[in-house]
């Protein structure tokens, strides 16, 4: 299957059962990401953050949902902190500043809806 430019999905994932938490691995002192779906309408990206790693405050023009698959993270949205554990999710509203900081190493799925 070939998808048009800017509409990419890993062909090996179609029609396959995958354990999502195992699809991205930790790396010492780093943040690792793997995009699962990248389409005009939105993206699904997996992240693995080593302890102490994070993303600096920024904003995005679209709503984004974070689902924590493993570990613990502090998410700050418009100055308000939230602590999330494996199994928790939070929606970061469009155009509001947010940041993430790994309390322990953690894995998350980020789903951004563009349309």
PDB file of N, CA and C in Angstrom:
ATOM      1  N   UNK A   1       0.854  -1.176   0.000  1.00  0.00           N
ATOM      2  CA  UNK A   1       0.000   0.000   0.000  1.00  0.00           C
ATOM      3  C   UNK A   1       0.891   1.227   0.000  1.00  0.00           C
ATOM      4  N   UNK A   2       0.656   2.137  -0.908  1.00  0.00           N
ATOM      5  CA  UNK A   2       1.399   3.388  -0.967  1.00  0.00           C
ATOM      6  C   UNK A   2       0.436   4.520  -0.655  1.00  0.00           C
ATOM      7  N   UNK A   3       0.817   5.356   0.303  1.00  0.00           N
ATOM      8  CA  UNK A   3      -0.019   6.484   0.685  1.00  0.00           C
ATOM      9  C   UNK A   3       0.564   7.754   0.103  1.00  0.00           C
ATOM     10  N   UNK A   4      -0.282   8.737  -0.210  1.00  0.00           N
ATOM     11  CA  UNK A   4       0.222  10.014  -0.723  1.00  0.00           C
ATOM     12  C   UNK A   4       1.158  10.679   0.294  1.00  0.00           C
ATOM     13  N   UNK A   5       1.997  11.565  -0.192  1.00  0.00           N
ATOM     14  CA  UNK A   5       2.884  12.328   0.691  1.00  0.00           C
ATOM     15  C   UNK A   5       2.081  12.988   1.800  1.00  0.00           C
ATOM     16  N   UNK A   6       2.617  13.067   3.004  1.00  0.00           N
ATOM     17  CA  UNK A   6       1.996  13.621   4.211  1.00  0.00           C
ATOM     18  C   UNK A   6       0.862  12.743   4.730  1.00  0.00           C
ATOM     19  N   UNK A   7       0.716  11.539   4.210  1.00  0.00           N
ATOM     20  CA  UNK A   7      -0.259  10.592   4.748  1.00  0.00           C
ATOM     21  C   UNK A   7       0.464   9.260   4.878  1.00  0.00           C
ATOM     22  N   UNK A   8       1.259   9.131   5.920  1.00  0.00           N
ATOM     23  CA  UNK A   8       2.109   7.958   6.056  1.00  0.00           C
ATOM     24  C   UNK A   8       1.706   7.122   7.262  1.00  0.00           C
ATOM     25  N   UNK A   9       1.733   5.827   7.071  1.00  0.00           N
ATOM     26  CA  UNK A   9       1.542   4.856   8.131  1.00  0.00           C
ATOM     27  C   UNK A   9       2.490   3.712   7.821  1.00  0.00           C
ATOM     28  N   UNK A  10       3.116   3.162   8.837  1.00  0.00           N
ATOM     29  CA  UNK A  10       4.020   2.038   8.654  1.00  0.00           C
ATOM     30  C   UNK A  10       3.220   0.848   8.118  1.00  0.00           C
ATOM     31  N   UNK A  11       3.470   0.458   6.869  1.00  0.00           N
ATOM     32  CA  UNK A  11       2.718  -0.624   6.224  1.00  0.00           C
ATOM     33  C   UNK A  11       2.741  -1.919   7.028  1.00  0.00           C
ATOM     34  N   UNK A  12       3.806  -2.159   7.786  1.00  0.00           N
ATOM     35  CA  UNK A  12       3.924  -3.400   8.563  1.00  0.00           C
ATOM     36  C   UNK A  12       2.899  -3.464   9.692  1.00  0.00           C
ATOM     37  N   UNK A  13       2.257  -2.346  10.028  1.00  0.00           N
ATOM     38  CA  UNK A  13       1.296  -2.319  11.127  1.00  0.00           C
ATOM     39  C   UNK A  13      -0.119  -2.701  10.697  1.00  0.00           C
ATOM     40  N   UNK A  14      -0.407  -2.619   9.415  1.00  0.00           N
ATOM     41  CA  UNK A  14      -1.756  -2.928   8.945  1.00  0.00           C
ATOM     42  C   UNK A  14      -2.063  -4.406   9.145  1.00  0.00           C
ATOM     43  N   UNK A  15      -3.214  -4.701   9.738  1.00  0.00           N
ATOM     44  CA  UNK A  15      -3.651  -6.081   9.898  1.00  0.00           C
ATOM     45  C   UNK A  15      -2.783  -6.896  10.829  1.00  0.00           C
ATOM     46  N   UNK A  16      -2.056  -6.243  11.736  1.00  0.00           N
ATOM     47  CA  UNK A  16      -1.166  -6.914  12.676  1.00  0.00           C
ATOM     48  C   UNK A  16      -1.561  -6.551  14.100  1.00  0.00           C
ATOM     49  N   UNK A  17      -1.413  -7.503  15.012  1.00  0.00           N
ATOM     50  CA  UNK A  17      -1.611  -7.221  16.423  1.00  0.00           C
ATOM     51  C   UNK A  17      -0.264  -6.802  16.993  1.00  0.00           C
ATOM     52  N   UNK A  18      -0.236  -5.673  17.671  1.00  0.00           N
ATOM     53  CA  UNK A  18       1.002  -5.152  18.259  1.00  0.00           C
ATOM     54  C   UNK A  18       0.760  -4.774  19.713  1.00  0.00           C
ATOM     55  N   UNK A  19       1.762  -4.970  20.532  1.00  0.00           N
ATOM     56  CA  UNK A  19       1.716  -4.515  21.921  1.00  0.00           C
ATOM     57  C   UNK A  19       2.297  -3.108  21.926  1.00  0.00           C
ATOM     58  N   UNK A  20       1.433  -2.111  22.035  1.00  0.00           N
ATOM     59  CA  UNK A  20       1.827  -0.719  21.797  1.00  0.00           C
ATOM     60  C   UNK A  20       2.938  -0.241  22.732  1.00  0.00           C
ATOM     61  N   UNK A  21       2.924  -0.657  23.977  1.00  0.00           N
ATOM     62  CA  UNK A  21       3.946  -0.209  24.928  1.00  0.00           C
ATOM     63  C   UNK A  21       5.344  -0.707  24.528  1.00  0.00           C
ATOM     64  N   UNK A  22       5.409  -1.776  23.748  1.00  0.00           N
ATOM     65  CA  UNK A  22       6.699  -2.325  23.315  1.00  0.00           C
ATOM     66  C   UNK A  22       7.162  -1.763  21.971  1.00  0.00           C
ATOM     67  N   UNK A  23       6.396  -0.860  21.386  1.00  0.00           N
ATOM     68  CA  UNK A  23       6.728  -0.346  20.054  1.00  0.00           C
ATOM     69  C   UNK A  23       7.713   0.817  20.069  1.00  0.00           C
ATOM     70  N   UNK A  24       8.077   1.288  21.260  1.00  0.00           N
ATOM     71  CA  UNK A  24       9.095   2.326  21.405  1.00  0.00           C
ATOM     72  C   UNK A  24       9.912   1.975  22.640  1.00  0.00           C
ATOM     73  N   UNK A  25      11.235   2.119  22.554  1.00  0.00           N
ATOM     74  CA  UNK A  25      12.128   1.694  23.630  1.00  0.00           C
ATOM     75  C   UNK A  25      12.800   2.892  24.300  1.00  0.00           C
ATOM     76  N   UNK A  26      13.096   2.738  25.585  1.00  0.00           N
ATOM     77  CA  UNK A  26      13.842   3.757  26.319  1.00  0.00           C
ATOM     78  C   UNK A  26      15.276   3.809  25.829  1.00  0.00           C
ATOM     79  N   UNK A  27      15.850   5.011  25.894  1.00  0.00           N
ATOM     80  CA  UNK A  27      17.262   5.210  25.599  1.00  0.00           C
ATOM     81  C   UNK A  27      17.803   6.155  26.663  1.00  0.00           C
ATOM     82  N   UNK A  28      18.907   5.799  27.279  1.00  0.00           N
ATOM     83  CA  UNK A  28      19.477   6.583  28.383  1.00  0.00           C
ATOM     84  C   UNK A  28      19.670   8.040  27.979  1.00  0.00           C
ATOM     85  N   UNK A  29      19.163   8.950  28.837  1.00  0.00           N
ATOM     86  CA  UNK A  29      19.354  10.383  28.646  1.00  0.00           C
ATOM     87  C   UNK A  29      18.645  10.971  27.449  1.00  0.00           C
ATOM     88  N   UNK A  30      17.642  10.269  26.920  1.00  0.00           N
ATOM     89  CA  UNK A  30      17.027  10.711  25.666  1.00  0.00           C
ATOM     90  C   UNK A  30      15.506  10.639  25.686  1.00  0.00           C
ATOM     91  N   UNK A  31      14.940  11.256  24.663  1.00  0.00           N
ATOM     92  CA  UNK A  31      13.533  11.122  24.327  1.00  0.00           C
ATOM     93  C   UNK A  31      13.494  10.437  22.966  1.00  0.00           C
ATOM     94  N   UNK A  32      12.796   9.318  22.882  1.00  0.00           N
ATOM     95  CA  UNK A  32      12.691   8.557  21.639  1.00  0.00           C
ATOM     96  C   UNK A  32      11.250   8.652  21.156  1.00  0.00           C
ATOM     97  N   UNK A  33      11.060   8.848  19.858  1.00  0.00           N
ATOM     98  CA  UNK A  33       9.694   8.907  19.322  1.00  0.00           C
ATOM     99  C   UNK A  33       9.565   7.998  18.113  1.00  0.00           C
ATOM    100  N   UNK A  34       8.336   7.561  17.892  1.00  0.00           N
ATOM    101  CA  UNK A  34       8.007   6.743  16.724  1.00  0.00           C
ATOM    102  C   UNK A  34       6.607   7.141  16.270  1.00  0.00           C
ATOM    103  N   UNK A  35       6.515   7.653  15.063  1.00  0.00           N
ATOM    104  CA  UNK A  35       5.222   8.028  14.513  1.00  0.00           C
ATOM    105  C   UNK A  35       4.558   6.792  13.923  1.00  0.00           C
ATOM    106  N   UNK A  36       3.332   6.535  14.380  1.00  0.00           N
ATOM    107  CA  UNK A  36       2.574   5.379  13.925  1.00  0.00           C
ATOM    108  C   UNK A  36       1.659   5.766  12.766  1.00  0.00           C
ATOM    109  N   UNK A  37       1.022   6.921  12.874  1.00  0.00           N
ATOM    110  CA  UNK A  37       0.146   7.436  11.813  1.00  0.00           C
ATOM    111  C   UNK A  37       0.465   8.912  11.617  1.00  0.00           C
ATOM    112  N   UNK A  38       0.613   9.319  10.367  1.00  0.00           N
ATOM    113  CA  UNK A  38       0.859  10.722  10.030  1.00  0.00           C
ATOM    114  C   UNK A  38      -0.001  11.051   8.819  1.00  0.00           C
ATOM    115  N   UNK A  39      -1.151  11.674   9.075  1.00  0.00           N
ATOM    116  CA  UNK A  39      -2.070  12.019   8.008  1.00  0.00           C
ATOM    117  C   UNK A  39      -2.491  13.478   8.151  1.00  0.00           C
ATOM    118  N   UNK A  40      -3.072  14.024   7.106  1.00  0.00           N
ATOM    119  CA  UNK A  40      -3.535  15.415   7.156  1.00  0.00           C
ATOM    120  C   UNK A  40      -4.487  15.647   8.320  1.00  0.00           C
ATOM    121  N   UNK A  41      -5.293  14.651   8.650  1.00  0.00           N
ATOM    122  CA  UNK A  41      -6.301  14.799   9.708  1.00  0.00           C
ATOM    123  C   UNK A  41      -5.729  14.634  11.117  1.00  0.00           C
ATOM    124  N   UNK A  42      -4.527  14.086  11.247  1.00  0.00           N
ATOM    125  CA  UNK A  42      -3.942  13.937  12.573  1.00  0.00           C
ATOM    126  C   UNK A  42      -2.785  12.965  12.615  1.00  0.00           C
ATOM    127  N   UNK A  43      -2.190  12.872  13.805  1.00  0.00           N
ATOM    128  CA  UNK A  43      -1.043  11.987  13.997  1.00  0.00           C
ATOM    129  C   UNK A  43      -1.215  11.164  15.264  1.00  0.00           C
ATOM    130  N   UNK A  44      -0.550  10.010  15.280  1.00  0.00           N
ATOM    131  CA  UNK A  44      -0.397   9.193  16.474  1.00  0.00           C
ATOM    132  C   UNK A  44       1.095   8.922  16.599  1.00  0.00           C
ATOM    133  N   UNK A  45       1.679   9.371  17.709  1.00  0.00           N
ATOM    134  CA  UNK A  45       3.107   9.227  17.921  1.00  0.00           C
ATOM    135  C   UNK A  45       3.354   8.630  19.297  1.00  0.00           C
ATOM    136  N   UNK A  46       4.276   7.674  19.365  1.00  0.00           N
ATOM    137  CA  UNK A  46       4.686   7.071  20.625  1.00  0.00           C
ATOM    138  C   UNK A  46       5.982   7.713  21.073  1.00  0.00           C
ATOM    139  N   UNK A  47       6.125   7.917  22.392  1.00  0.00           N
ATOM    140  CA  UNK A  47       7.332   8.507  22.963  1.00  0.00           C
ATOM    141  C   UNK A  47       7.809   7.671  24.138  1.00  0.00           C
ATOM    142  N   UNK A  48       9.126   7.609  24.319  1.00  0.00           N
ATOM    143  CA  UNK A  48       9.740   7.031  25.514  1.00  0.00           C
ATOM    144  C   UNK A  48      10.715   8.073  26.058  1.00  0.00           C
ATOM    145  N   UNK A  49      10.467   8.553  27.283  1.00  0.00           N
ATOM    146  CA  UNK A  49      11.289   9.578  27.924  1.00  0.00           C
ATOM    147  C   UNK A  49      12.095   8.930  29.032  1.00  0.00           C
ATOM    148  N   UNK A  50      13.394   9.147  29.046  1.00  0.00           N
ATOM    149  CA  UNK A  50      14.190   8.700  30.183  1.00  0.00           C
ATOM    150  C   UNK A  50      13.893   9.625  31.369  1.00  0.00           C
ATOM    151  N   UNK A  51      14.139   9.141  32.568  1.00  0.00           N
ATOM    152  CA  UNK A  51      13.893   9.938  33.775  1.00  0.00           C
ATOM    153  C   UNK A  51      14.592  11.282  33.663  1.00  0.00           C
ATOM    154  N   UNK A  52      13.872  12.354  34.017  1.00  0.00           N
ATOM    155  CA  UNK A  52      14.435  13.696  33.990  1.00  0.00           C
ATOM    156  C   UNK A  52      14.316  14.403  32.647  1.00  0.00           C
ATOM    157  N   UNK A  53      13.959  13.682  31.604  1.00  0.00           N
ATOM    158  CA  UNK A  53      13.811  14.295  30.280  1.00  0.00           C
ATOM    159  C   UNK A  53      12.439  14.952  30.172  1.00  0.00           C
ATOM    160  N   UNK A  54      12.285  15.843  29.213  1.00  0.00           N
ATOM    161  CA  UNK A  54      11.002  16.499  29.054  1.00  0.00           C
ATOM    162  C   UNK A  54      10.903  17.260  27.755  1.00  0.00           C
ATOM    163  N   UNK A  55       9.789  17.935  27.608  1.00  0.00           N
ATOM    164  CA  UNK A  55       9.571  18.849  26.489  1.00  0.00           C
ATOM    165  C   UNK A  55       9.311  20.227  27.078  1.00  0.00           C
ATOM    166  N   UNK A  56      10.046  21.216  26.596  1.00  0.00           N
ATOM    167  CA  UNK A  56       9.893  22.585  27.077  1.00  0.00           C
ATOM    168  C   UNK A  56       8.505  23.115  26.722  1.00  0.00           C
ATOM    169  N   UNK A  57       8.101  24.139  27.446  1.00  0.00           N
ATOM    170  CA  UNK A  57       6.786  24.729  27.212  1.00  0.00           C
ATOM    171  C   UNK A  57       6.653  25.184  25.759  1.00  0.00           C
ATOM    172  N   UNK A  58       5.538  24.824  25.170  1.00  0.00           N
ATOM    173  CA  UNK A  58       5.214  25.196  23.792  1.00  0.00           C
ATOM    174  C   UNK A  58       3.698  25.116  23.640  1.00  0.00           C
ATOM    175  N   UNK A  59       3.200  25.491  22.500  1.00  0.00           N
ATOM    176  CA  UNK A  59       1.765  25.332  22.229  1.00  0.00           C
ATOM    177  C   UNK A  59       1.616  24.770  20.823  1.00  0.00           C
ATOM    178  N   UNK A  60       0.436  24.244  20.557  1.00  0.00           N
ATOM    179  CA  UNK A  60       0.121  23.682  19.241  1.00  0.00           C
ATOM    180  C   UNK A  60      -1.259  24.190  18.843  1.00  0.00           C
ATOM    181  N   UNK A  61      -1.489  24.314  17.552  1.00  0.00           N
ATOM    182  CA  UNK A  61      -2.783  24.846  17.101  1.00  0.00           C
ATOM    183  C   UNK A  61      -3.914  23.820  17.107  1.00  0.00           C
ATOM    184  N   UNK A  62      -3.654  22.626  17.663  1.00  0.00           N
ATOM    185  CA  UNK A  62      -4.646  21.555  17.662  1.00  0.00           C
ATOM    186  C   UNK A  62      -4.738  20.928  19.045  1.00  0.00           C
ATOM    187  N   UNK A  63      -5.898  20.363  19.382  1.00  0.00           N
ATOM    188  CA  UNK A  63      -6.032  19.574  20.602  1.00  0.00           C
ATOM    189  C   UNK A  63      -5.141  18.342  20.493  1.00  0.00           C
ATOM    190  N   UNK A  64      -4.591  17.918  21.622  1.00  0.00           N
ATOM    191  CA  UNK A  64      -3.753  16.724  21.640  1.00  0.00           C
ATOM    192  C   UNK A  64      -4.047  15.933  22.905  1.00  0.00           C
ATOM    193  N   UNK A  65      -4.169  14.622  22.750  1.00  0.00           N
ATOM    194  CA  UNK A  65      -4.408  13.746  23.882  1.00  0.00           C
ATOM    195  C   UNK A  65      -3.138  12.977  24.200  1.00  0.00           C
ATOM    196  N   UNK A  66      -2.761  12.973  25.476  1.00  0.00           N
ATOM    197  CA  UNK A  66      -1.633  12.175  25.958  1.00  0.00           C
ATOM    198  C   UNK A  66      -2.203  11.001  26.742  1.00  0.00           C
ATOM    199  N   UNK A  67      -1.771   9.794  26.378  1.00  0.00           N
ATOM    200  CA  UNK A  67      -2.117   8.581  27.119  1.00  0.00           C
ATOM    201  C   UNK A  67      -0.806   7.993  27.636  1.00  0.00           C
ATOM    202  N   UNK A  68      -0.668   7.874  28.956  1.00  0.00           N
ATOM    203  CA  UNK A  68       0.556   7.352  29.565  1.00  0.00           C
ATOM    204  C   UNK A  68       0.477   5.828  29.589  1.00  0.00           C
ATOM    205  N   UNK A  69       1.453   5.190  28.959  1.00  0.00           N
ATOM    206  CA  UNK A  69       1.484   3.730  28.857  1.00  0.00           C
ATOM    207  C   UNK A  69       2.347   3.087  29.929  1.00  0.00           C
ATOM    208  N   UNK A  70       3.321   3.841  30.465  1.00  0.00           N
ATOM    209  CA  UNK A  70       4.269   3.300  31.440  1.00  0.00           C
ATOM    210  C   UNK A  70       4.890   4.472  32.184  1.00  0.00           C
ATOM    211  N   UNK A  71       5.149   4.317  33.472  1.00  0.00           N
ATOM    212  CA  UNK A  71       5.866   5.326  34.233  1.00  0.00           C
ATOM    213  C   UNK A  71       5.013   6.466  34.739  1.00  0.00           C
ATOM    214  N   UNK A  72       5.682   7.612  34.993  1.00  0.00           N
ATOM    215  CA  UNK A  72       5.018   8.762  35.613  1.00  0.00           C
ATOM    216  C   UNK A  72       5.558  10.061  35.019  1.00  0.00           C
ATOM    217  N   UNK A  73       4.648  11.002  34.727  1.00  0.00           N
ATOM    218  CA  UNK A  73       5.007  12.266  34.088  1.00  0.00           C
ATOM    219  C   UNK A  73       4.244  13.420  34.738  1.00  0.00           C
ATOM    220  N   UNK A  74       4.879  14.582  34.743  1.00  0.00           N
ATOM    221  CA  UNK A  74       4.211  15.821  35.135  1.00  0.00           C
ATOM    222  C   UNK A  74       3.910  16.579  33.841  1.00  0.00           C
ATOM    223  N   UNK A  75       2.634  16.886  33.644  1.00  0.00           N
ATOM    224  CA  UNK A  75       2.193  17.674  32.500  1.00  0.00           C
ATOM    225  C   UNK A  75       1.716  19.007  33.047  1.00  0.00           C
ATOM    226  N   UNK A  76       2.208  20.089  32.464  1.00  0.00           N
ATOM    227  CA  UNK A  76       1.794  21.428  32.887  1.00  0.00           C
ATOM    228  C   UNK A  76       1.049  22.070  31.720  1.00  0.00           C
ATOM    229  N   UNK A  77      -0.200  22.467  31.975  1.00  0.00           N
ATOM    230  CA  UNK A  77      -1.024  23.112  30.958  1.00  0.00           C
ATOM    231  C   UNK A  77      -1.416  24.487  31.482  1.00  0.00           C
ATOM    232  N   UNK A  78      -0.997  25.527  30.777  1.00  0.00           N
ATOM    233  CA  UNK A  78      -1.279  26.912  31.176  1.00  0.00           C
ATOM    234  C   UNK A  78      -0.929  27.148  32.638  1.00  0.00           C
ATOM    235  N   UNK A  79       0.224  26.631  33.055  1.00  0.00           N
ATOM    236  CA  UNK A  79       0.732  26.840  34.409  1.00  0.00           C
ATOM    237  C   UNK A  79       0.199  25.886  35.457  1.00  0.00           C
ATOM    238  N   UNK A  80      -0.773  25.064  35.125  1.00  0.00           N
ATOM    239  CA  UNK A  80      -1.361  24.141  36.100  1.00  0.00           C
ATOM    240  C   UNK A  80      -0.735  22.747  35.950  1.00  0.00           C
ATOM    241  N   UNK A  81      -0.107  22.212  37.031  1.00  0.00           N
ATOM    242  CA  UNK A  81       0.550  20.899  36.930  1.00  0.00           C
ATOM    243  C   UNK A  81      -0.419  19.741  37.175  1.00  0.00           C
ATOM    244  N   UNK A  82      -0.160  18.655  36.459  1.00  0.00           N
ATOM    245  CA  UNK A  82      -0.909  17.407  36.610  1.00  0.00           C
ATOM    246  C   UNK A  82       0.113  16.272  36.649  1.00  0.00           C
ATOM    247  N   UNK A  83      -0.070  15.300  37.545  1.00  0.00           N
ATOM    248  CA  UNK A  83       0.788  14.117  37.566  1.00  0.00           C
ATOM    249  C   UNK A  83      -0.011  12.950  37.029  1.00  0.00           C
ATOM    250  N   UNK A  84       0.540  12.294  36.017  1.00  0.00           N
ATOM    251  CA  UNK A  84      -0.126  11.171  35.374  1.00  0.00           C
ATOM    252  C   UNK A  84       0.711   9.914  35.540  1.00  0.00           C
ATOM    253  N   UNK A  85       0.024   8.794  35.739  1.00  0.00           N
ATOM    254  CA  UNK A  85       0.639   7.476  35.847  1.00  0.00           C
ATOM    255  C   UNK A  85       0.156   6.613  34.688  1.00  0.00           C
ATOM    256  N   UNK A  86       0.771   5.438  34.538  1.00  0.00           N
ATOM    257  CA  UNK A  86       0.359   4.491  33.503  1.00  0.00           C
ATOM    258  C   UNK A  86      -1.156   4.286  33.569  1.00  0.00           C
ATOM    259  N   UNK A  87      -1.804   4.385  32.426  1.00  0.00           N
ATOM    260  CA  UNK A  87      -3.244   4.221  32.341  1.00  0.00           C
ATOM    261  C   UNK A  87      -4.013   5.530  32.362  1.00  0.00           C
ATOM    262  N   UNK A  88      -3.343   6.638  32.708  1.00  0.00           N
ATOM    263  CA  UNK A  88      -3.992   7.950  32.746  1.00  0.00           C
ATOM    264  C   UNK A  88      -3.884   8.645  31.393  1.00  0.00           C
ATOM    265  N   UNK A  89      -4.825   9.562  31.144  1.00  0.00           N
ATOM    266  CA  UNK A  89      -4.762  10.390  29.946  1.00  0.00           C
ATOM    267  C   UNK A  89      -5.169  11.809  30.288  1.00  0.00           C
ATOM    268  N   UNK A  90      -4.741  12.735  29.442  1.00  0.00           N
ATOM    269  CA  UNK A  90      -5.124  14.127  29.581  1.00  0.00           C
ATOM    270  C   UNK A  90      -5.185  14.735  28.185  1.00  0.00           C
ATOM    271  N   UNK A  91      -6.093  15.692  28.003  1.00  0.00           N
ATOM    272  CA  UNK A  91      -6.187  16.403  26.732  1.00  0.00           C
ATOM    273  C   UNK A  91      -5.588  17.788  26.919  1.00  0.00           C
ATOM    274  N   UNK A  92      -4.641  18.116  26.055  1.00  0.00           N
ATOM    275  CA  UNK A  92      -4.013  19.438  26.069  1.00  0.00           C
ATOM    276  C   UNK A  92      -4.734  20.282  25.020  1.00  0.00           C
ATOM    277  N   UNK A  93      -5.422  21.332  25.461  1.00  0.00           N
ATOM    278  CA  UNK A  93      -6.212  22.142  24.525  1.00  0.00           C
ATOM    279  C   UNK A  93      -5.348  22.910  23.528  1.00  0.00           C
ATOM    280  N   UNK A  94      -5.884  23.109  22.356  1.00  0.00           N
ATOM    281  CA  UNK A  94      -5.218  23.885  21.310  1.00  0.00           C
ATOM    282  C   UNK A  94      -4.860  25.277  21.825  1.00  0.00           C
ATOM    283  N   UNK A  95      -3.705  25.751  21.410  1.00  0.00           N
ATOM    284  CA  UNK A  95      -3.237  27.119  21.661  1.00  0.00           C
ATOM    285  C   UNK A  95      -2.986  27.441  23.133  1.00  0.00           C
ATOM    286  N   UNK A  96      -2.952  26.444  24.002  1.00  0.00           N
ATOM    287  CA  UNK A  96      -2.589  26.674  25.402  1.00  0.00           C
ATOM    288  C   UNK A  96      -1.187  26.126  25.636  1.00  0.00           C
ATOM    289  N   UNK A  97      -0.328  26.899  26.308  1.00  0.00           N
ATOM    290  CA  UNK A  97       1.037  26.424  26.539  1.00  0.00           C
ATOM    291  C   UNK A  97       1.039  25.185  27.426  1.00  0.00           C
ATOM    292  N   UNK A  98       1.908  24.244  27.073  1.00  0.00           N
ATOM    293  CA  UNK A  98       2.032  23.026  27.863  1.00  0.00           C
ATOM    294  C   UNK A  98       3.481  22.539  27.823  1.00  0.00           C
ATOM    295  N   UNK A  99       3.832  21.754  28.830  1.00  0.00           N
ATOM    296  CA  UNK A  99       5.175  21.179  28.940  1.00  0.00           C
ATOM    297  C   UNK A  99       5.044  19.819  29.606  1.00  0.00           C
ATOM    298  N   UNK A 100       6.058  18.964  29.414  1.00  0.00           N
ATOM    299  CA  UNK A 100       6.084  17.644  30.029  1.00  0.00           C
ATOM    300  C   UNK A 100       7.436  17.419  30.685  1.00  0.00           C
ATOM    301  N   UNK A 101       7.439  16.754  31.842  1.00  0.00           N
ATOM    302  CA  UNK A 101       8.675  16.431  32.549  1.00  0.00           C
ATOM    303  C   UNK A 101       8.543  15.034  33.133  1.00  0.00           C
ATOM    304  N   UNK A 102       9.478  14.158  32.795  1.00  0.00           N
ATOM    305  CA  UNK A 102       9.446  12.781  33.291  1.00  0.00           C
ATOM    306  C   UNK A 102       9.787  12.759  34.778  1.00  0.00           C
ATOM    307  N   UNK A 103       8.855  12.276  35.600  1.00  0.00           N
ATOM    308  CA  UNK A 103       9.112  12.069  37.024  1.00  0.00           C
ATOM    309  C   UNK A 103       9.923  10.782  37.180  1.00  0.00           C
ATOM    310  N   UNK A 104       9.508   9.753  36.453  1.00  0.00           N
ATOM    311  CA  UNK A 104      10.291   8.534  36.258  1.00  0.00           C
ATOM    312  C   UNK A 104      10.308   8.330  34.753  1.00  0.00           C
ATOM    313  N   UNK A 105      11.083   7.400  34.278  1.00  0.00           N
ATOM    314  CA  UNK A 105      11.008   7.190  32.833  1.00  0.00           C
ATOM    315  C   UNK A 105       9.573   6.792  32.507  1.00  0.00           C
ATOM    316  N   UNK A 106       9.099   7.243  31.356  1.00  0.00           N
ATOM    317  CA  UNK A 106       7.712   6.965  31.003  1.00  0.00           C
ATOM    318  C   UNK A 106       7.560   6.869  29.491  1.00  0.00           C
ATOM    319  N   UNK A 107       6.476   6.178  29.101  1.00  0.00           N
ATOM    320  CA  UNK A 107       6.105   6.070  27.694  1.00  0.00           C
ATOM    321  C   UNK A 107       4.705   6.649  27.535  1.00  0.00           C
ATOM    322  N   UNK A 108       4.496   7.327  26.417  1.00  0.00           N
ATOM    323  CA  UNK A 108       3.178   7.894  26.160  1.00  0.00           C
ATOM    324  C   UNK A 108       2.831   7.776  24.693  1.00  0.00           C
ATOM    325  N   UNK A 109       1.527   7.821  24.437  1.00  0.00           N
ATOM    326  CA  UNK A 109       1.009   7.932  23.085  1.00  0.00           C
ATOM    327  C   UNK A 109       0.403   9.326  22.981  1.00  0.00           C
ATOM    328  N   UNK A 110       0.796  10.054  21.943  1.00  0.00           N
ATOM    329  CA  UNK A 110       0.268  11.381  21.681  1.00  0.00           C
ATOM    330  C   UNK A 110      -0.619  11.298  20.435  1.00  0.00           C
ATOM    331  N   UNK A 111      -1.877  11.679  20.597  1.00  0.00           N
ATOM    332  CA  UNK A 111      -2.821  11.692  19.486  1.00  0.00           C
ATOM    333  C   UNK A 111      -3.214  13.148  19.241  1.00  0.00           C
ATOM    334  N   UNK A 112      -2.860  13.641  18.053  1.00  0.00           N
ATOM    335  CA  UNK A 112      -3.187  15.021  17.700  1.00  0.00           C
ATOM    336  C   UNK A 112      -4.189  15.001  16.550  1.00  0.00           C
ATOM    337  N   UNK A 113      -5.309  15.662  16.761  1.00  0.00           N
ATOM    338  CA  UNK A 113      -6.357  15.751  15.752  1.00  0.00           C
ATOM    339  C   UNK A 113      -6.257  17.121  15.085  1.00  0.00           C
ATOM    340  N   UNK A 114      -6.056  17.145  13.798  1.00  0.00           N
ATOM    341  CA  UNK A 114      -5.887  18.409  13.067  1.00  0.00           C
ATOM    342  C   UNK A 114      -7.178  18.889  12.415  1.00  0.00           C
ATOM    343  N   UNK A 115      -8.124  18.012  12.230  1.00  0.00           N
ATOM    344  CA  UNK A 115      -9.349  18.404  11.507  1.00  0.00           C
ATOM    345  C   UNK A 115     -10.573  18.173  12.368  1.00  0.00           C
TER     346      UNK A 115
END
